[in-house]
Amino acid sequence: MVDDVVCELLGINRTDARCLDVLEERGRMSAGELATAARLTSGAITAVVDRLERLGYVRRVADPADRRRVLIEPTPAVYEATRELMQVLADEGRPMVERYSDDQLRLMLEFTRAGRELQERHAEWLRDKLRGGWTPPGPPTGLARRRRAARTARA
């Protein structure tokens, strides 16, 4: 819910927000690296970067190591906006976090990390189903009907 409202306040969609999260966490990177990290196509990442650049949240800069290469970096404006929108949550959450020992926090982080990795593996398994043309059981409707018709036509 928080992410949805933050996106609305920033005037972006969830995909744009995912890319901003990656950039804020990892710093400047090429569009290709950003696309990989955000699991987007090269065409999709171009549209995302164009939107975010128009809003002043990212900028394209020359790679200091290779001036032919362009990197995408978050702007101070996005850091300022994120800080303003999320600082209250951080301030109110700090006392909650401070109740736990370092060992307890490490355990929670490991649990969260393992859960995220499980979710990522499952998402890839689901994408494989999608690429394989999986359709839900039962009476075909909408997309399922079109996929079944396409498979029947190929057979």
Foldseek 3Di string as FASTA:
>chain_A
DLLVVLCVVLVHDPLLVLLLVCCVVPNKDALVVSCVSSVHDSVVSVVSLVVCVVSQQWDWAADPVHRVGIIIGGDVVNVVSCCVSCVVVVVVCVVVVVVDDPVVVVVVVVVVVVVVVVVVVVVVVVVVCVVVLDDDDDDDDDSRVVSVVVVVVVD
